[in-house]
Amino acid sequence: MDYVELRSFDNYMEARIVLNMLQHRDINCHLKDEHILTVDPLLTPALGGIKLMVYHSQAERAWDMMEQAELDYLKSIPCPVCKAHKLKVVSITRQHKCRLSAIISMILNGHSMEVKKVYQCEDCGYDFKELP
């Protein structure tokens, strides 16, 4: 069977939750490098994290399910400032200023660009790194 990598996780628990959600909805999927990275998490940058592998014909459906689950979850959480239920995810990409820092980041993190996920309230514009 042909599987494609749909997403990579640094966190074992998050990977298992997503895997179980997809399998419960009859998506043919598995986790690659799950066992080695739970035994030795320091290998995560070298291996690229725990990979969610999905059968190629079901990849689009699985991606849509994951996006919808995240949107539903964000709608259930109020903004800590204005209490509105209008949170969204914003990705911030930061490129390194010099080649040396890019190489060091590549060695330590497995990629040369730094991508951060930030949550933002659509009403008041408040940004925060972790959900309350």
N, C-alpha and C. Protein backbone atom coordinates (compact mmCIF):
# COMPACT_ATOMS: atom_id res chain seq x y z
N MET A 1 0.83 -1.19 0.00
CA MET A 1 0.00 0.00 0.00
C MET A 1 0.88 1.25 0.00
N ASP A 2 0.38 2.29 -0.62
CA ASP A 2 1.11 3.55 -0.70
C ASP A 2 0.59 4.52 0.35
N TYR A 3 1.49 4.90 1.24
CA TYR A 3 1.15 5.86 2.29
C TYR A 3 1.90 7.16 2.06
N VAL A 4 1.29 8.26 2.45
CA VAL A 4 1.93 9.57 2.37
C VAL A 4 1.99 10.16 3.78
N GLU A 5 3.02 10.96 4.02
CA GLU A 5 3.14 11.63 5.31
C GLU A 5 2.20 12.83 5.32
N LEU A 6 1.28 12.83 6.27
CA LEU A 6 0.31 13.92 6.34
C LEU A 6 0.76 15.00 7.30
N ARG A 7 1.41 14.60 8.38
CA ARG A 7 1.83 15.56 9.39
C ARG A 7 2.91 14.93 10.26
N SER A 8 3.70 15.77 10.89
CA SER A 8 4.74 15.32 11.80
C SER A 8 4.47 15.91 13.18
N PHE A 9 4.69 15.11 14.23
CA PHE A 9 4.42 15.52 15.60
C PHE A 9 5.68 15.43 16.44
N ASP A 10 5.85 16.37 17.35
CA ASP A 10 6.90 16.30 18.36
C ASP A 10 6.39 15.63 19.62
N ASN A 11 5.08 15.63 19.78
CA ASN A 11 4.45 15.14 21.00
C ASN A 11 3.74 13.81 20.72
N TYR A 12 4.10 12.78 21.45
CA TYR A 12 3.53 11.45 21.26
C TYR A 12 2.02 11.43 21.53
N MET A 13 1.59 12.12 22.60
CA MET A 13 0.17 12.10 22.97
C MET A 13 -0.70 12.74 21.90
N GLU A 14 -0.25 13.87 21.36
CA GLU A 14 -1.01 14.53 20.30
C GLU A 14 -1.09 13.65 19.06
N ALA A 15 -0.01 12.98 18.74
CA ALA A 15 0.01 12.08 17.58
C ALA A 15 -0.99 10.94 17.77
N ARG A 16 -1.04 10.35 18.96
CA ARG A 16 -1.97 9.24 19.22
C ARG A 16 -3.42 9.71 19.19
N ILE A 17 -3.69 10.91 19.70
CA ILE A 17 -5.07 11.44 19.68
C ILE A 17 -5.54 11.61 18.24
N VAL A 18 -4.70 12.21 17.40
CA VAL A 18 -5.07 12.41 16.00
C VAL A 18 -5.21 11.07 15.29
N LEU A 19 -4.29 10.14 15.54
CA LEU A 19 -4.36 8.81 14.94
C LEU A 19 -5.67 8.12 15.31
N ASN A 20 -6.02 8.13 16.58
CA ASN A 20 -7.26 7.48 17.02
C ASN A 20 -8.50 8.13 16.43
N MET A 21 -8.48 9.47 16.32
CA MET A 21 -9.61 10.17 15.71
C MET A 21 -9.80 9.73 14.26
N LEU A 22 -8.70 9.65 13.51
CA LEU A 22 -8.79 9.26 12.11
C LEU A 22 -9.18 7.79 11.95
N GLN A 23 -8.60 6.91 12.76
CA GLN A 23 -8.94 5.49 12.67
C GLN A 23 -10.40 5.25 13.06
N HIS A 24 -10.91 6.03 14.00
CA HIS A 24 -12.31 5.91 14.40
C HIS A 24 -13.24 6.27 13.24
N ARG A 25 -12.76 7.12 12.32
CA ARG A 25 -13.55 7.52 11.16
C ARG A 25 -13.14 6.73 9.91
N ASP A 26 -12.59 5.55 10.13
CA ASP A 26 -12.25 4.61 9.06
C ASP A 26 -11.22 5.12 8.07
N ILE A 27 -10.23 5.87 8.56
CA ILE A 27 -9.11 6.29 7.73
C ILE A 27 -7.97 5.29 7.98
N ASN A 28 -7.41 4.77 6.90
CA ASN A 28 -6.31 3.81 6.98
C ASN A 28 -5.01 4.58 7.23
N CYS A 29 -4.50 4.53 8.47
CA CYS A 29 -3.31 5.31 8.82
C CYS A 29 -2.53 4.62 9.94
N HIS A 30 -1.28 5.07 10.11
CA HIS A 30 -0.43 4.59 11.19
C HIS A 30 0.62 5.65 11.51
N LEU A 31 1.34 5.45 12.61
CA LEU A 31 2.41 6.37 13.00
C LEU A 31 3.76 5.73 12.67
N LYS A 32 4.60 6.49 12.00
CA LYS A 32 5.96 6.03 11.66
C LYS A 32 6.94 6.64 12.66
N ASP A 33 7.91 5.88 13.08
CA ASP A 33 8.94 6.28 14.05
C ASP A 33 8.37 6.54 15.44
N GLU A 34 7.19 6.03 15.71
CA GLU A 34 6.53 6.22 17.00
C GLU A 34 7.33 5.59 18.14
N HIS A 35 7.73 4.36 17.96
CA HIS A 35 8.36 3.61 19.04
C HIS A 35 9.76 4.13 19.36
N ILE A 36 10.56 4.38 18.34
CA ILE A 36 11.92 4.84 18.61
C ILE A 36 11.93 6.21 19.27
N LEU A 37 10.99 7.09 18.90
CA LEU A 37 10.98 8.43 19.48
C LEU A 37 10.34 8.48 20.85
N THR A 38 9.53 7.51 21.20
CA THR A 38 9.04 7.47 22.58
C THR A 38 10.10 6.91 23.51
N VAL A 39 10.98 6.06 22.99
CA VAL A 39 12.09 5.53 23.78
C VAL A 39 13.18 6.59 23.94
N ASP A 40 13.50 7.29 22.86
CA ASP A 40 14.55 8.31 22.89
C ASP A 40 14.07 9.59 22.19
N PRO A 41 13.39 10.50 22.92
CA PRO A 41 12.86 11.72 22.32
C PRO A 41 13.93 12.66 21.77
N LEU A 42 15.18 12.51 22.18
CA LEU A 42 16.24 13.38 21.68
C LEU A 42 16.54 13.15 20.20
N LEU A 43 16.04 12.05 19.65
CA LEU A 43 16.23 11.77 18.23
C LEU A 43 15.19 12.48 17.34
N THR A 44 14.24 13.17 17.95
CA THR A 44 13.16 13.82 17.19
C THR A 44 13.68 14.72 16.08
N PRO A 45 14.62 15.65 16.34
CA PRO A 45 15.10 16.49 15.23
C PRO A 45 15.77 15.68 14.11
N ALA A 46 16.48 14.64 14.48
CA ALA A 46 17.19 13.84 13.46
C ALA A 46 16.23 13.06 12.57
N LEU A 47 15.15 12.55 13.15
CA LEU A 47 14.21 11.73 12.38
C LEU A 47 13.03 12.53 11.84
N GLY A 48 12.86 13.75 12.29
CA GLY A 48 11.76 14.58 11.79
C GLY A 48 10.46 14.36 12.52
N GLY A 49 10.50 13.83 13.72
CA GLY A 49 9.30 13.66 14.52
C GLY A 49 8.54 12.38 14.21
N ILE A 50 7.43 12.21 14.92
CA ILE A 50 6.53 11.07 14.69
C ILE A 50 5.66 11.44 13.51
N LYS A 51 5.71 10.62 12.48
CA LYS A 51 5.00 10.94 11.23
C LYS A 51 3.67 10.22 11.15
N LEU A 52 2.62 10.97 10.84
CA LEU A 52 1.30 10.39 10.60
C LEU A 52 1.24 10.00 9.13
N MET A 53 1.19 8.71 8.87
CA MET A 53 1.16 8.18 7.52
C MET A 53 -0.28 7.76 7.18
N VAL A 54 -0.79 8.26 6.06
CA VAL A 54 -2.17 8.01 5.65
C VAL A 54 -2.17 7.42 4.25
N TYR A 55 -3.05 6.47 4.03
CA TYR A 55 -3.18 5.87 2.70
C TYR A 55 -3.50 6.98 1.70
N HIS A 56 -2.79 7.01 0.58
CA HIS A 56 -2.82 8.16 -0.34
C HIS A 56 -4.22 8.54 -0.80
N SER A 57 -5.10 7.59 -1.02
CA SER A 57 -6.45 7.94 -1.51
C SER A 57 -7.32 8.56 -0.42
N GLN A 58 -6.91 8.45 0.84
CA GLN A 58 -7.69 9.00 1.94
C GLN A 58 -7.03 10.24 2.56
N ALA A 59 -5.94 10.70 1.98
CA ALA A 59 -5.17 11.80 2.57
C ALA A 59 -5.96 13.11 2.62
N GLU A 60 -6.64 13.45 1.56
CA GLU A 60 -7.39 14.71 1.54
C GLU A 60 -8.52 14.69 2.56
N ARG A 61 -9.22 13.59 2.63
CA ARG A 61 -10.31 13.45 3.61
C ARG A 61 -9.78 13.54 5.04
N ALA A 62 -8.64 12.90 5.29
CA ALA A 62 -8.02 12.94 6.62
C ALA A 62 -7.58 14.36 6.96
N TRP A 63 -6.99 15.07 6.00
CA TRP A 63 -6.55 16.45 6.25
C TRP A 63 -7.74 17.34 6.59
N ASP A 64 -8.84 17.19 5.85
CA ASP A 64 -10.04 17.97 6.13
C ASP A 64 -10.59 17.67 7.53
N MET A 65 -10.56 16.42 7.93
CA MET A 65 -11.04 16.04 9.27
C MET A 65 -10.18 16.65 10.36
N MET A 66 -8.86 16.66 10.15
CA MET A 66 -7.96 17.24 11.14
C MET A 66 -8.18 18.75 11.26
N GLU A 67 -8.34 19.43 10.13
CA GLU A 67 -8.59 20.88 10.16
C GLU A 67 -9.90 21.20 10.85
N GLN A 68 -10.95 20.43 10.55
CA GLN A 68 -12.25 20.67 11.15
C GLN A 68 -12.22 20.42 12.65
N ALA A 69 -11.51 19.38 13.09
CA ALA A 69 -11.40 19.10 14.53
C ALA A 69 -10.69 20.24 15.25
N GLU A 70 -9.65 20.80 14.64
CA GLU A 70 -8.94 21.92 15.27
C GLU A 70 -9.82 23.16 15.32
N LEU A 71 -10.57 23.44 14.26
CA LEU A 71 -11.47 24.59 14.26
C LEU A 71 -12.57 24.44 15.32
N ASP A 72 -13.13 23.24 15.43
CA ASP A 72 -14.16 22.99 16.44
C ASP A 72 -13.61 23.17 17.85
N TYR A 73 -12.39 22.72 18.05
CA TYR A 73 -11.76 22.86 19.37
C TYR A 73 -11.51 24.33 19.70
N LEU A 74 -11.01 25.09 18.71
CA LEU A 74 -10.75 26.51 18.95
C LEU A 74 -12.03 27.30 19.23
N LYS A 75 -13.15 26.90 18.61
CA LYS A 75 -14.42 27.58 18.86
C LYS A 75 -14.92 27.37 20.28
N SER A 76 -14.48 26.31 20.93
CA SER A 76 -14.94 26.02 22.28
C SER A 76 -14.16 26.78 23.35
N ILE A 77 -13.07 27.44 22.97
CA ILE A 77 -12.22 28.13 23.94
C ILE A 77 -12.44 29.64 23.84
N PRO A 78 -12.75 30.31 24.96
CA PRO A 78 -12.93 31.76 24.92
C PRO A 78 -11.58 32.49 24.97
N CYS A 79 -11.54 33.67 24.39
CA CYS A 79 -10.36 34.53 24.45
C CYS A 79 -10.14 34.95 25.91
N PRO A 80 -8.92 34.91 26.42
CA PRO A 80 -8.68 35.29 27.81
C PRO A 80 -8.92 36.78 28.08
N VAL A 81 -8.97 37.61 27.04
CA VAL A 81 -9.16 39.05 27.23
C VAL A 81 -10.62 39.45 27.06
N CYS A 82 -11.20 39.16 25.89
CA CYS A 82 -12.57 39.64 25.60
C CYS A 82 -13.64 38.56 25.74
N LYS A 83 -13.23 37.30 26.00
CA LYS A 83 -14.14 36.16 26.20
C LYS A 83 -14.92 35.75 24.95
N ALA A 84 -14.54 36.26 23.79
CA ALA A 84 -15.20 35.86 22.54
C ALA A 84 -14.69 34.48 22.11
N HIS A 85 -15.53 33.72 21.44
CA HIS A 85 -15.15 32.39 20.95
C HIS A 85 -14.76 32.48 19.48
N LYS A 86 -13.76 33.31 19.17
CA LYS A 86 -13.33 33.52 17.79
C LYS A 86 -11.81 33.44 17.69
N LEU A 87 -11.25 32.32 18.07
CA LEU A 87 -9.81 32.13 17.99
C LEU A 87 -9.42 31.53 16.65
N LYS A 88 -8.24 31.90 16.18
CA LYS A 88 -7.70 31.33 14.96
C LYS A 88 -6.22 31.07 15.16
N VAL A 89 -5.67 30.21 14.33
CA VAL A 89 -4.25 29.86 14.39
C VAL A 89 -3.51 30.69 13.35
N VAL A 90 -2.42 31.32 13.78
CA VAL A 90 -1.58 32.10 12.87
C VAL A 90 -0.18 31.51 12.91
N SER A 91 0.37 31.21 11.75
CA SER A 91 1.74 30.69 11.67
C SER A 91 2.69 31.83 11.37
N ILE A 92 3.73 31.94 12.17
CA ILE A 92 4.74 32.97 11.98
C ILE A 92 6.04 32.28 11.56
N THR A 93 6.54 32.65 10.39
CA THR A 93 7.77 32.07 9.86
C THR A 93 8.90 33.06 10.04
N ARG A 94 9.98 32.60 10.64
CA ARG A 94 11.14 33.46 10.85
C ARG A 94 12.34 32.81 10.19
N GLN A 95 12.95 33.56 9.28
CA GLN A 95 14.16 33.07 8.64
C GLN A 95 15.37 33.63 9.39
N HIS A 96 16.43 32.88 9.38
CA HIS A 96 17.63 33.29 10.09
C HIS A 96 18.38 34.37 9.32
N LYS A 97 19.07 35.23 10.05
CA LYS A 97 19.76 36.37 9.44
C LYS A 97 21.06 35.99 8.76
N CYS A 98 21.69 34.93 9.24
CA CYS A 98 22.95 34.53 8.62
C CYS A 98 22.95 33.02 8.38
N ARG A 99 23.85 32.57 7.56
CA ARG A 99 23.92 31.16 7.20
C ARG A 99 24.33 30.28 8.38
N LEU A 100 25.18 30.82 9.25
CA LEU A 100 25.64 30.04 10.39
C LEU A 100 24.48 29.68 11.31
N SER A 101 23.62 30.65 11.61
CA SER A 101 22.48 30.35 12.47
C SER A 101 21.50 29.41 11.78
N ALA A 102 21.37 29.50 10.46
CA ALA A 102 20.52 28.57 9.72
C ALA A 102 21.07 27.16 9.79
N ILE A 103 22.40 27.02 9.68
CA ILE A 103 23.02 25.69 9.75
C ILE A 103 22.88 25.11 11.15
N ILE A 104 23.08 25.92 12.17
CA ILE A 104 22.91 25.45 13.55
C ILE A 104 21.48 25.02 13.80
N SER A 105 20.52 25.80 13.31
CA SER A 105 19.11 25.44 13.46
C SER A 105 18.79 24.15 12.71
N MET A 106 19.41 23.97 11.55
CA MET A 106 19.19 22.76 10.77
C MET A 106 19.71 21.54 11.53
N ILE A 107 20.85 21.68 12.18
CA ILE A 107 21.43 20.57 12.94
C ILE A 107 20.59 20.26 14.18
N LEU A 108 20.20 21.30 14.91
CA LEU A 108 19.48 21.10 16.17
C LEU A 108 18.00 20.79 15.98
N ASN A 109 17.35 21.45 15.02
CA ASN A 109 15.90 21.34 14.88
C ASN A 109 15.44 20.54 13.67
N GLY A 110 16.33 20.31 12.72
CA GLY A 110 15.96 19.56 11.53
C GLY A 110 15.44 20.42 10.40
N HIS A 111 15.39 21.75 10.57
CA HIS A 111 14.96 22.65 9.51
C HIS A 111 15.62 24.01 9.70
N SER A 112 15.78 24.75 8.61
CA SER A 112 16.51 26.01 8.68
C SER A 112 15.60 27.20 8.96
N MET A 113 14.30 27.05 8.82
CA MET A 113 13.37 28.13 9.15
C MET A 113 12.64 27.78 10.43
N GLU A 114 12.29 28.79 11.17
CA GLU A 114 11.57 28.58 12.41
C GLU A 114 10.11 28.97 12.20
N VAL A 115 9.21 28.04 12.42
CA VAL A 115 7.79 28.30 12.26
C VAL A 115 7.14 28.17 13.64
N LYS A 116 6.48 29.24 14.06
CA LYS A 116 5.79 29.24 15.35
C LYS A 116 4.29 29.32 15.11
N LYS A 117 3.56 28.61 15.94
CA LYS A 117 2.10 28.66 15.87
C LYS A 117 1.62 29.56 17.01
N VAL A 118 0.83 30.59 16.67
CA VAL A 118 0.31 31.53 17.64
C VAL A 118 -1.21 31.55 17.50
N TYR A 119 -1.89 31.67 18.61
CA TYR A 119 -3.35 31.77 18.60
C TYR A 119 -3.73 33.24 18.70
N GLN A 120 -4.72 33.64 17.91
CA GLN A 120 -5.11 35.04 17.88
C GLN A 120 -6.63 35.15 17.92
N CYS A 121 -7.12 36.13 18.70
CA CYS A 121 -8.55 36.40 18.77
C CYS A 121 -8.92 37.30 17.60
N GLU A 122 -9.95 36.92 16.86
CA GLU A 122 -10.37 37.73 15.71
C GLU A 122 -11.08 39.01 16.15
N ASP A 123 -11.65 39.05 17.36
CA ASP A 123 -12.34 40.25 17.83
C ASP A 123 -11.39 41.31 18.35
N CYS A 124 -10.57 40.95 19.34
CA CYS A 124 -9.71 41.97 19.97
C CYS A 124 -8.28 41.94 19.47
N GLY A 125 -7.87 40.91 18.71
CA GLY A 125 -6.53 40.84 18.15
C GLY A 125 -5.46 40.36 19.12
N TYR A 126 -5.86 39.88 20.31
CA TYR A 126 -4.90 39.42 21.31
C TYR A 126 -4.19 38.16 20.83
N ASP A 127 -2.86 38.13 20.92
CA ASP A 127 -2.05 36.98 20.54
C ASP A 127 -1.54 36.26 21.78
N PHE A 128 -1.53 34.93 21.75
CA PHE A 128 -0.94 34.16 22.83
C PHE A 128 -0.41 32.85 22.27
N LYS A 129 0.63 32.32 22.95
CA LYS A 129 1.34 31.14 22.45
C LYS A 129 0.67 29.84 22.81
N GLU A 130 0.05 29.79 23.98
CA GLU A 130 -0.59 28.55 24.43
C GLU A 130 -2.05 28.81 24.75
N LEU A 131 -2.85 27.81 24.53
CA LEU A 131 -4.27 27.95 24.82
C LEU A 131 -4.50 28.02 26.32
N PRO A 132 -5.44 28.86 26.76
CA PRO A 132 -5.70 28.97 28.21
C PRO A 132 -6.33 27.71 28.77
